[in-house]
Protein backbone atom coordinates (compact mmCIF):
# COMPACT_ATOMS: atom_id res chain seq x y z
CA UNK A 1 136.96 126.42 66.21
CA UNK A 2 135.18 123.25 67.54
CA UNK A 3 132.98 124.99 69.24
CA UNK A 4 131.45 126.98 66.21
CA UNK A 5 131.05 123.30 64.30
CA UNK A 6 127.69 122.64 65.43
CA UNK A 7 126.42 126.12 65.12
CA UNK A 8 127.78 125.93 61.40
CA UNK A 9 125.99 122.38 60.70
CA UNK A 10 122.49 123.48 62.06
CA UNK A 11 123.04 126.72 59.91
CA UNK A 12 123.27 124.54 56.94
CA UNK A 13 120.90 122.32 57.84
CA UNK A 14 117.86 125.10 58.19
CA UNK A 15 119.82 126.91 54.93
CA UNK A 16 117.94 126.70 51.56
CA UNK A 17 114.15 126.46 52.56
CA UNK A 18 111.88 128.72 51.28
CA UNK A 19 110.10 131.57 53.45
CA UNK A 20 106.70 130.02 52.43
CA UNK A 21 107.75 126.53 54.26
CA UNK A 22 108.79 128.39 57.37
CA UNK A 23 105.42 130.23 57.39
CA UNK A 24 103.87 127.02 56.96
CA UNK A 25 105.55 125.55 59.97
CA UNK A 26 104.66 128.72 62.19
CA UNK A 27 101.22 128.09 61.37
CA UNK A 28 101.33 124.34 62.30
CA UNK A 29 103.21 125.56 65.33
CA UNK A 30 100.69 128.01 66.24
CA UNK A 31 97.94 125.40 65.60
CA UNK A 32 99.87 122.52 68.03
CA UNK A 33 100.52 124.93 70.60
CA UNK A 34 97.09 125.00 71.01
CA UNK A 35 96.19 121.41 70.42
CA UNK A 36 94.87 121.00 74.08
CA UNK A 37 91.22 119.01 73.76
CA UNK A 38 92.47 116.00 71.95
CA UNK A 39 94.99 114.64 74.79
CA UNK A 40 92.44 115.14 77.40
CA UNK A 41 88.84 114.37 75.79
CA UNK A 42 88.83 111.31 77.29
CA UNK A 43 89.38 112.65 80.66
CA UNK A 44 86.74 115.18 79.84
CA UNK A 45 84.30 112.77 78.84
CA UNK A 46 84.74 110.34 81.66
CA UNK A 47 85.20 113.43 84.40
CA UNK A 48 83.42 116.03 83.33
CA UNK A 49 80.29 114.36 81.12
CA UNK A 50 80.34 111.45 83.11
CA UNK A 51 80.47 108.98 80.40
CA UNK A 52 81.25 105.54 80.44
CA UNK A 53 84.38 103.83 79.22
CA UNK A 54 82.25 102.41 76.71
CA UNK A 55 80.72 105.60 75.43
CA UNK A 56 83.97 107.47 75.42
CA UNK A 57 85.43 104.39 73.23
CA UNK A 58 82.60 104.93 70.72
CA UNK A 59 83.36 108.90 70.73
CA UNK A 60 86.75 107.89 69.73
CA UNK A 61 85.97 105.67 67.09
CA UNK A 62 83.71 108.19 65.52
CA UNK A 63 86.66 110.58 66.14
CA UNK A 64 88.77 108.33 63.84
CA UNK A 65 86.04 107.61 61.24
CA UNK A 66 85.93 111.37 61.01
CA UNK A 67 89.82 111.63 60.61
CA UNK A 68 89.75 109.00 57.89
CA UNK A 69 87.02 110.93 55.75
CA UNK A 70 88.31 114.30 56.42
CA UNK A 71 91.68 113.41 55.06
CA UNK A 72 89.82 112.02 51.90
CA UNK A 73 87.87 114.88 51.36
CA UNK A 74 90.88 116.91 52.11
CA UNK A 75 92.87 115.29 49.31
CA UNK A 76 89.73 115.80 46.82
CA UNK A 77 89.40 119.54 47.50
CA UNK A 78 93.29 120.26 47.66
CA UNK A 79 93.28 119.29 44.25
CA UNK A 80 89.94 120.92 42.97
CA UNK A 81 90.36 124.35 44.83
CA UNK A 82 94.05 124.28 45.89
CA UNK A 83 95.60 124.08 49.30
CA UNK A 84 95.60 127.42 50.41
CA UNK A 85 91.67 127.88 50.62
CA UNK A 86 91.48 124.21 51.93
CA UNK A 87 93.91 124.96 54.75
CA UNK A 88 92.06 128.43 55.72
CA UNK A 89 88.77 127.31 55.77
CA UNK A 90 89.70 123.87 57.95
CA UNK A 91 91.35 125.89 60.72
CA UNK A 92 88.93 128.75 60.87
CA UNK A 93 85.72 126.88 60.70
CA UNK A 94 87.18 123.90 62.96
CA UNK A 95 88.42 126.65 65.43
CA UNK A 96 84.86 127.93 65.57
CA UNK A 97 83.80 124.15 66.09
CA UNK A 98 86.08 123.61 68.72
CA UNK A 99 84.40 126.57 70.59
CA UNK A 100 80.83 125.38 70.45
CA UNK A 101 81.93 121.52 71.28
CA UNK A 102 82.11 122.45 75.13
CA UNK A 103 78.16 123.26 74.81
CA UNK A 104 77.65 119.75 73.72
CA UNK A 105 77.03 117.32 76.65
CA UNK A 106 74.71 114.45 75.76
CA UNK A 107 76.23 111.38 74.16
CA UNK A 108 74.43 111.09 71.03
CA UNK A 109 75.48 115.18 70.46
CA UNK A 110 78.89 114.35 71.31
CA UNK A 111 79.34 111.61 68.64
CA UNK A 112 77.89 114.15 66.06
CA UNK A 113 79.83 116.87 67.11
CA UNK A 114 83.20 115.06 67.54
CA UNK A 115 82.62 113.49 64.02
CA UNK A 116 82.06 117.17 62.64
CA UNK A 117 85.12 118.52 64.05
CA UNK A 118 87.37 116.17 62.83
CA UNK A 119 85.73 115.92 59.48
CA UNK A 120 86.88 119.61 58.97
CA UNK A 121 90.07 119.47 61.21
CA UNK A 122 91.34 116.65 59.24
CA UNK A 123 90.93 118.10 55.67
CA UNK A 124 93.66 120.63 56.85
CA UNK A 125 96.62 117.59 56.95
CA UNK A 126 96.57 116.92 52.95
CA UNK A 127 96.52 120.34 52.13
CA UNK A 128 99.24 121.35 54.49
CA UNK A 129 101.51 118.41 52.89
CA UNK A 130 100.63 119.65 49.43
CA UNK A 131 101.51 123.31 50.21
CA UNK A 132 105.00 122.09 52.00
CA UNK A 133 105.40 119.93 48.87
CA UNK A 134 104.72 122.96 46.51
CA UNK A 135 106.74 125.48 48.55
CA UNK A 136 109.99 122.99 48.43
CA UNK A 137 112.60 121.84 45.72
CA UNK A 138 113.19 118.02 45.41
CA UNK A 139 116.73 118.55 47.16
CA UNK A 140 114.80 120.31 50.35
CA UNK A 141 111.66 118.52 50.30
CA UNK A 142 112.62 116.09 53.07
CA UNK A 143 113.99 118.67 55.51
CA UNK A 144 110.84 120.68 54.93
CA UNK A 145 108.93 117.86 55.96
CA UNK A 146 111.32 117.49 58.90
CA UNK A 147 110.66 121.34 59.82
CA UNK A 148 106.95 120.78 60.06
CA UNK A 149 107.24 117.76 61.97
CA UNK A 150 109.65 119.48 64.36
CA UNK A 151 106.97 122.41 64.63
CA UNK A 152 104.44 119.80 65.26
CA UNK A 153 106.61 117.96 68.16
CA UNK A 154 107.32 121.30 69.65
CA UNK A 155 103.76 122.49 69.40
CA UNK A 156 102.57 119.34 71.41
CA UNK A 157 104.96 119.41 73.99
CA UNK A 158 103.83 123.33 74.80
CA UNK A 159 100.04 122.54 74.38
CA UNK A 160 100.14 119.07 76.34
CA UNK A 161 101.83 120.58 79.16
CA UNK A 162 99.73 123.76 79.21
CA UNK A 163 96.68 121.77 78.54
CA UNK A 164 96.83 119.95 81.87
CA UNK A 165 97.47 123.17 83.66
CA UNK A 166 94.29 124.71 82.26
CA UNK A 167 92.20 121.42 82.50
CA UNK A 168 93.19 121.56 86.37
CA UNK A 169 91.16 124.87 86.68
CA UNK A 170 88.37 124.35 84.05
CA UNK A 171 87.89 122.14 81.18
CA UNK A 172 86.45 125.13 78.96
CA UNK A 173 89.68 126.39 79.06
CA UNK A 174 91.16 123.71 76.82
CA UNK A 175 88.28 124.46 74.40
CA UNK A 176 88.77 128.11 74.34
CA UNK A 177 92.65 127.74 73.91
CA UNK A 178 92.24 125.25 71.05
CA UNK A 179 89.64 126.75 69.22
CA UNK A 180 91.33 130.51 69.13
CA UNK A 181 94.87 129.03 68.33
CA UNK A 182 93.05 127.64 65.19
CA UNK A 183 91.36 130.81 64.17
CA UNK A 184 94.52 132.48 64.97
CA UNK A 185 96.58 130.27 62.73
CA UNK A 186 93.90 130.84 59.84
CA UNK A 187 94.23 134.66 60.45
CA UNK A 188 98.28 134.23 60.01
CA UNK A 189 97.96 132.03 56.80
CA UNK A 190 95.66 134.29 55.32
CA UNK A 191 97.73 137.34 55.74
CA UNK A 192 100.99 136.23 55.00
CA UNK A 193 101.12 133.18 52.60
CA UNK A 194 101.86 134.13 49.21
CA UNK A 195 99.39 132.85 46.42
CA UNK A 196 100.51 129.65 44.80
CA UNK A 197 102.26 130.22 41.33
CA UNK A 198 103.09 126.84 39.59
CA UNK A 199 106.03 127.82 37.46
CA UNK A 200 106.53 125.90 34.21
CA UNK A 201 110.31 125.70 34.67
CA UNK A 202 109.92 124.54 38.19
CA UNK A 203 107.25 121.92 37.20
CA UNK A 204 109.66 120.88 34.71
CA UNK A 205 112.35 120.28 37.22
CA UNK A 206 110.03 118.89 39.70
CA UNK A 207 109.11 115.94 37.23
CA UNK A 208 112.26 115.42 36.33
CA UNK A 209 113.52 115.03 39.83
CA UNK A 210 110.59 112.69 40.54
CA UNK A 211 111.52 110.17 37.91
CA UNK A 212 114.60 109.82 40.22
CA UNK A 213 112.91 109.95 43.70
CA UNK A 214 109.95 108.11 42.90
CA UNK A 215 108.60 105.04 44.26
CA UNK A 216 109.12 103.50 40.59
CA UNK A 217 110.43 104.95 37.02
CA UNK A 218 106.76 104.45 35.81
CA UNK A 219 105.02 107.72 35.66
CA UNK A 220 102.59 108.62 38.65
CA UNK A 221 98.99 107.42 37.99
CA UNK A 222 96.09 109.59 37.76
CA UNK A 223 94.60 108.52 41.23
CA UNK A 224 96.57 106.93 44.19
CA UNK A 225 93.59 104.16 44.88
CA UNK A 226 94.47 102.82 41.43
CA UNK A 227 98.28 103.38 41.48
CA UNK A 228 99.25 99.84 42.71
CA UNK A 229 102.48 100.16 43.75
CA UNK A 230 101.61 102.93 45.81
CA UNK A 231 98.69 101.05 47.34
CA UNK A 232 101.58 98.26 48.46
CA UNK A 233 103.76 101.06 49.65
CA UNK A 234 100.79 102.26 51.81
CA UNK A 235 100.17 98.78 53.29
CA UNK A 236 103.38 98.76 54.47
CA UNK A 237 103.12 102.12 56.04
CA UNK A 238 99.87 101.41 57.32
CA UNK A 239 101.40 98.22 59.25
CA UNK A 240 104.17 100.67 60.91
CA UNK A 241 102.04 103.30 61.98
CA UNK A 242 99.48 100.69 63.28
CA UNK A 243 101.99 99.41 65.65
CA UNK A 244 103.97 102.97 66.29
CA UNK A 245 101.04 104.65 67.81
CA UNK A 246 100.80 101.97 70.22
CA UNK A 247 103.30 104.31 71.95
CA UNK A 248 100.53 106.80 72.66
CA UNK A 249 97.90 104.71 73.68
CA UNK A 250 98.84 101.36 75.47
CA UNK A 251 102.91 101.88 76.15
CA UNK A 252 101.99 104.43 78.69
CA UNK A 253 99.51 102.03 80.42
CA UNK A 254 102.21 99.15 80.09
CA UNK A 255 104.84 101.22 81.78
CA UNK A 256 102.26 102.14 84.74
CA UNK A 257 100.84 98.53 85.19
CA UNK A 258 103.57 96.34 84.48
CA UNK A 259 106.96 98.46 85.02
CA UNK A 260 105.55 100.27 87.59
CA UNK A 261 106.64 103.88 86.78
CA UNK A 262 104.87 107.04 87.93
CA UNK A 263 102.61 109.15 85.62
CA UNK A 264 105.33 111.96 86.14
CA UNK A 265 108.30 109.56 84.77
CA UNK A 266 105.88 108.45 81.92
CA UNK A 267 105.25 112.17 81.30
CA UNK A 268 109.05 112.77 80.96
CA UNK A 269 109.71 109.57 78.89
CA UNK A 270 107.02 110.98 76.49
CA UNK A 271 108.35 114.47 76.21
CA UNK A 272 111.87 112.98 75.97
CA UNK A 273 110.76 111.51 72.24
CA UNK A 274 109.35 115.18 71.50
CA UNK A 275 112.87 116.94 72.37
CA UNK A 276 115.14 114.37 70.67
CA UNK A 277 113.14 115.14 67.53
CA UNK A 278 113.16 118.79 68.16
CA UNK A 279 117.22 118.60 68.74
CA UNK A 280 118.16 115.85 66.07
CA UNK A 281 116.07 114.97 63.04
CA UNK A 282 116.70 118.02 60.82
CA UNK A 283 120.59 117.70 61.47
CA UNK A 284 120.25 113.68 60.76
CA UNK A 285 117.89 113.98 57.83
CA UNK A 286 120.43 116.68 56.26
CA UNK A 287 123.31 114.38 56.77
CA UNK A 288 121.49 111.29 55.34
CA UNK A 289 120.87 113.25 52.23
CA UNK A 290 124.49 114.54 51.82
CA UNK A 291 125.71 111.05 51.72
CA UNK A 292 122.76 109.26 50.21
CA UNK A 293 123.04 108.96 46.24
CA UNK A 294 120.33 111.27 44.88
CA UNK A 295 119.05 108.96 42.24
CA UNK A 296 118.74 105.99 44.84
CA UNK A 297 115.22 105.83 46.53
CA UNK A 298 115.44 105.68 50.33
CA UNK A 299 113.89 102.66 51.06
CA UNK A 300 116.63 100.99 53.04
CA UNK A 301 116.54 103.91 55.11
CA UNK A 302 112.97 103.62 55.57
CA UNK A 303 113.37 99.83 56.43
CA UNK A 304 115.73 100.63 58.98
CA UNK A 305 113.83 103.29 61.02
CA UNK A 306 110.65 100.52 60.77
CA UNK A 307 112.84 97.55 61.78
CA UNK A 308 114.30 99.96 64.84
CA UNK A 309 110.58 100.36 66.18
CA UNK A 310 110.08 96.81 65.77
CA UNK A 311 113.13 95.91 67.83
CA UNK A 312 111.83 98.10 70.61
CA UNK A 313 108.67 96.14 70.73
CA UNK A 314 110.70 92.99 70.93
CA UNK A 315 112.57 94.03 73.68
CA UNK A 316 109.75 94.62 76.17
CA UNK A 317 108.38 91.13 76.80
CA UNK A 318 112.23 90.05 77.55
CA UNK A 319 112.34 91.57 81.08
CA UNK A 320 110.18 93.57 83.63
CA UNK A 321 113.08 95.63 83.96
CA UNK A 322 112.08 99.62 84.35
CA UNK A 323 115.09 100.66 82.41
CA UNK A 324 113.60 99.23 79.23
CA UNK A 325 111.15 102.09 79.38
CA UNK A 326 113.92 104.47 78.35
CA UNK A 327 115.33 101.99 76.16
CA UNK A 328 112.32 101.48 74.05
CA UNK A 329 111.55 105.25 73.83
CA UNK A 330 115.01 105.96 72.64
CA UNK A 331 114.95 102.96 70.01
CA UNK A 332 111.33 104.02 68.98
CA UNK A 333 112.46 107.57 68.57
CA UNK A 334 115.37 106.64 66.55
CA UNK A 335 112.87 104.73 63.88
CA UNK A 336 110.54 107.64 63.86
CA UNK A 337 113.31 110.00 62.94
CA UNK A 338 114.60 107.49 60.44
CA UNK A 339 111.29 106.19 58.65
CA UNK A 340 108.65 108.94 58.73
CA UNK A 341 110.49 111.96 56.99
CA UNK A 342 111.62 109.99 54.18
CA UNK A 343 107.94 108.07 54.00
CA UNK A 344 106.11 111.45 53.53
CA UNK A 345 108.62 112.95 50.89
CA UNK A 346 108.92 109.62 48.77
CA UNK A 347 104.84 109.82 48.73
CA UNK A 348 105.08 113.17 47.17
CA UNK A 349 107.56 112.14 44.88
CA UNK A 350 105.08 109.60 43.45
CA UNK A 351 102.64 112.30 42.84
CA UNK A 352 102.24 115.40 40.62
CA UNK A 353 100.92 118.85 40.84
CA UNK A 354 97.39 117.61 39.84
CA UNK A 355 96.97 114.76 42.17
CA UNK A 356 99.31 115.68 44.88
CA UNK A 357 96.18 116.33 47.46
CA UNK A 358 94.70 112.72 46.58
CA UNK A 359 98.26 110.83 47.40
CA UNK A 360 98.53 112.87 50.88
CA UNK A 361 95.34 112.17 51.50
CA UNK A 362 95.93 108.50 51.19
CA UNK A 363 99.15 109.01 53.32
CA UNK A 364 96.76 110.90 55.87
CA UNK A 365 94.24 108.43 55.90
CA UNK A 366 96.88 105.50 56.79
CA UNK A 367 97.57 107.25 60.32
CA UNK A 368 93.80 107.95 60.65
CA UNK A 369 93.07 104.49 60.22
CA UNK A 370 95.57 103.50 62.90
CA UNK A 371 93.86 105.73 65.14
CA UNK A 372 90.82 103.35 64.90
CA UNK A 373 92.84 100.15 64.03
CA UNK A 374 95.48 100.04 66.53
CA UNK A 375 93.56 100.73 69.85
CA UNK A 376 90.86 98.30 69.17
CA UNK A 377 92.90 95.27 68.04
CA UNK A 378 95.53 96.20 71.04
CA UNK A 379 93.07 96.43 73.81
CA UNK A 380 91.48 93.15 72.56
CA UNK A 381 94.86 91.14 72.55
CA UNK A 382 95.92 92.75 76.01
CA UNK A 383 92.65 91.67 77.20
CA UNK A 384 92.97 88.06 75.96
CA UNK A 385 96.66 87.33 75.72
CA UNK A 386 98.42 90.18 78.06
CA UNK A 387 100.64 92.70 76.86
CA UNK A 388 103.79 90.51 75.81
CA UNK A 389 101.90 88.87 73.18
CA UNK A 390 100.79 92.31 72.03
CA UNK A 391 104.74 93.48 71.73
CA UNK A 392 105.50 90.70 69.65
CA UNK A 393 102.26 91.19 67.50
CA UNK A 394 103.68 94.71 66.98
CA UNK A 395 107.13 93.53 66.46
CA UNK A 396 106.04 90.90 63.80
CA UNK A 397 104.12 93.90 61.85
CA UNK A 398 107.09 96.28 62.05
CA UNK A 399 109.14 93.22 60.41
CA UNK A 400 107.14 92.75 57.77
CA UNK A 401 106.95 96.16 56.94
CA UNK A 402 110.59 96.94 57.06
CA UNK A 403 111.36 93.87 54.92
CA UNK A 404 108.81 95.03 52.67
CA UNK A 405 110.36 98.28 52.15
């Protein structure tokens, strides 16, 4: 019987999620399994196209700019035309644009092509989040977003590993794999996702649930950009994500240059992050929701998660012991699991059916902006004051965010 308990727990964790939520996560998994161009884009530009480091940095900044604008447009288009066509056209045309991206070799052309690709691709994110919110209930929403994150992390693990092998053969294979999986995801979405029907009874239930789970008892504003409570919420979120994304940009460099870890060990540590999320996150979220009062907002849980991320950065300057790398990844992963699913579900709870796309776009834009801000500011701090200063700054930003939540 003891051996059956873990299986019963995981069965309960996944119970109650609608078929459409599973479908959307499956589409995300297909899409992320083919996400191979982005992780190797800097290598492609420097080694294959012979761009300078400065030129590569400019292209990545353009990439971030396209992501910000794409997220904003995706929210507007979702509220105007619905989440189904926005997801479909984003995946379909983004896939074809990826196939054509391999034909661009000049620096100005790469800037324009990268901007257009991310502009098309990032309209998908707020539409996908709106779809998950629509096909889930208040009781299952956080788990629905956790399932989507599970698909993202599992897809990244598969795509990242396979992408390295394909890149060693021919960089063009990355564009073919990424583009074709986007198109395949669009086809699956078009053939299987049911037409969204807003049931009046469910809408009434959703509005009632939102009143207990929203960021404040006041009704949602018509626009997230004039909803000052939500603006403050997103300000705290931006502080956190600007610190968190250092995990994928400058933390591996620190592991290599300061802790003297090999590329293989760094890769294993990064894979460990995704593996833990896949195995633990949904079960932990389910356990928290079972024990947390439904009427009480989950700011405390978010704050603890953000605080754990800050603690992981604060430990790094204290010693150059290589074991800190594993401890840092474990703390960051725990913080990510606690903070991110509840951040996203509470952002949804602040919105309604008419403006959900814009709220999800605002949330997505915080992540896109962090890709612009964090690498630039982080490299400047490292260049002038060293890694230790950067980690203290990141820990301080997380502390402010955690206290704010």
